[in-house]
Protein backbone atom coordinates (compact mmCIF):
# COMPACT_ATOMS: atom_id res chain seq x y z
CA MET A 1 -196.94 -94.27 139.82
CA MET A 2 -194.74 -95.62 136.95
CA PHE A 3 -194.46 -98.88 136.41
CA LYS A 4 -191.00 -100.25 135.32
CA LYS A 5 -191.01 -102.58 132.11
CA SER A 6 -189.98 -106.16 132.64
CA ASN A 7 -187.59 -107.87 130.31
CA GLU A 8 -187.87 -110.94 131.56
CA GLN A 9 -186.42 -114.09 129.33
CA LYS A 10 -185.65 -117.30 128.88
CA LEU A 11 -181.62 -118.35 130.03
CA GLY A 12 -182.54 -120.72 126.76
CA ASP A 13 -183.42 -117.92 124.62
CA ILE A 14 -180.70 -115.55 125.91
CA LEU A 15 -178.28 -118.60 125.09
CA LYS A 16 -179.44 -119.02 121.86
CA GLN A 17 -179.10 -114.80 120.94
CA PHE A 18 -175.77 -114.81 122.48
CA SER A 19 -174.15 -118.24 119.98
CA SER A 20 -175.35 -116.59 116.95
CA LYS A 21 -173.99 -113.09 117.56
CA ARG A 22 -171.37 -114.16 118.67
CA LYS A 23 -170.43 -117.28 115.61
CA ILE A 24 -170.21 -120.29 118.57
CA LYS A 25 -173.26 -121.99 117.03
CA PRO A 26 -171.78 -124.75 115.35
CA GLY A 27 -169.49 -125.52 118.53
CA TYR A 28 -172.20 -124.88 120.81
CA ASP A 29 -174.46 -127.47 118.01
CA GLN A 30 -171.52 -130.11 118.33
CA TYR A 31 -172.00 -130.31 122.21
CA ARG A 32 -175.43 -130.71 122.33
CA VAL A 33 -175.09 -133.68 119.59
CA LYS A 34 -172.25 -135.60 121.20
CA LYS A 35 -174.53 -135.19 124.41
CA TRP A 36 -177.21 -135.96 122.98
CA TRP A 37 -175.68 -139.20 121.49
CA HIS A 38 -173.93 -140.10 124.57
CA GLU A 39 -177.55 -139.63 126.40
CA ASN A 40 -179.83 -141.36 124.37
CA MET A 41 -177.79 -144.05 122.12
CA GLY A 42 -177.35 -146.57 124.69
CA GLY A 43 -174.00 -148.47 126.17
CA MET A 44 -173.93 -150.91 123.90
CA ILE A 45 -173.41 -148.50 120.69
CA ASN A 46 -171.77 -146.01 122.81
CA GLU A 47 -168.69 -148.60 123.04
CA GLN A 48 -168.82 -148.97 119.89
CA THR A 49 -169.01 -145.56 119.06
CA SER A 50 -165.46 -144.47 117.79
CA GLY A 51 -165.65 -140.90 116.91
CA ILE A 52 -168.60 -138.16 116.48
CA TYR A 53 -168.58 -134.55 115.24
CA LEU A 54 -170.87 -132.17 113.61
CA LYS A 55 -169.58 -130.52 110.04
CA HIS A 56 -171.60 -128.03 108.06
CA LYS A 57 -174.80 -129.69 109.73
CA ALA A 58 -173.69 -133.36 108.52
CA LEU A 59 -173.21 -135.83 111.60
CA TYR A 60 -170.09 -137.80 111.44
CA ILE A 61 -170.21 -141.30 113.14
CA SER A 62 -167.32 -143.79 113.47
CA VAL A 63 -168.40 -147.47 114.39
CA SER A 64 -166.09 -150.01 114.50
CA SER A 65 -168.56 -152.94 114.25
CA ALA A 66 -170.15 -153.09 110.40
CA SER A 67 -173.38 -154.28 111.98
CA LEU A 68 -173.91 -151.56 113.68
CA ARG A 69 -172.94 -149.47 110.62
CA SER A 70 -175.24 -151.19 108.47
CA GLU A 71 -178.25 -150.77 111.23
CA LEU A 72 -176.84 -146.93 111.60
CA ASN A 73 -177.27 -146.48 107.96
CA MET A 74 -181.24 -147.50 107.34
CA SER A 75 -182.05 -146.05 110.16
CA ARG A 76 -180.60 -142.60 109.90
CA ASP A 77 -183.06 -140.32 107.90
CA ALA A 78 -185.43 -141.37 111.32
CA LEU A 79 -182.28 -140.78 113.69
CA ARG A 80 -181.87 -137.63 111.93
CA GLU A 81 -185.54 -136.53 112.53
CA LYS A 82 -185.32 -137.94 115.74
CA ILE A 83 -181.75 -135.66 116.85
CA ASN A 84 -183.55 -132.34 115.58
CA ARG A 85 -187.27 -132.68 117.15
CA GLU A 86 -185.21 -132.70 120.36
CA LEU A 87 -183.18 -130.11 120.27
CA ASP A 88 -185.51 -127.98 118.39
CA GLY A 89 -184.06 -127.15 114.90
CA GLU A 90 -183.08 -128.30 112.14
CA VAL A 91 -179.63 -129.22 113.68
CA VAL A 92 -178.45 -131.64 111.31
CA GLU A 93 -179.20 -132.07 107.84
CA LYS A 94 -177.41 -135.69 107.10
CA ILE A 95 -175.74 -138.62 108.85
CA ILE A 96 -172.92 -139.86 107.51
CA VAL A 97 -171.82 -143.27 109.39
CA ARG A 98 -168.36 -144.71 108.96
């Protein structure tokens, strides 16, 4: 009796392979970071965030409040570590708050 080899893979692993081969990873990472931000930062911060984008592993955050800008600048290293830990990789190397 012959047995077929099982070629089962997790869907997440397949998507990672596909995105890295097709050069869509930067866009996918941008989507994941924006989604993480909106789900985890809370309503008040989301209301005061006027823009967020990822370019060359630098996360640019535009906020309308000077006090929030100051707070984010002080905690940007911890925030970067948290984002990378939850997104399973070195997605963000630095955070720039404007």
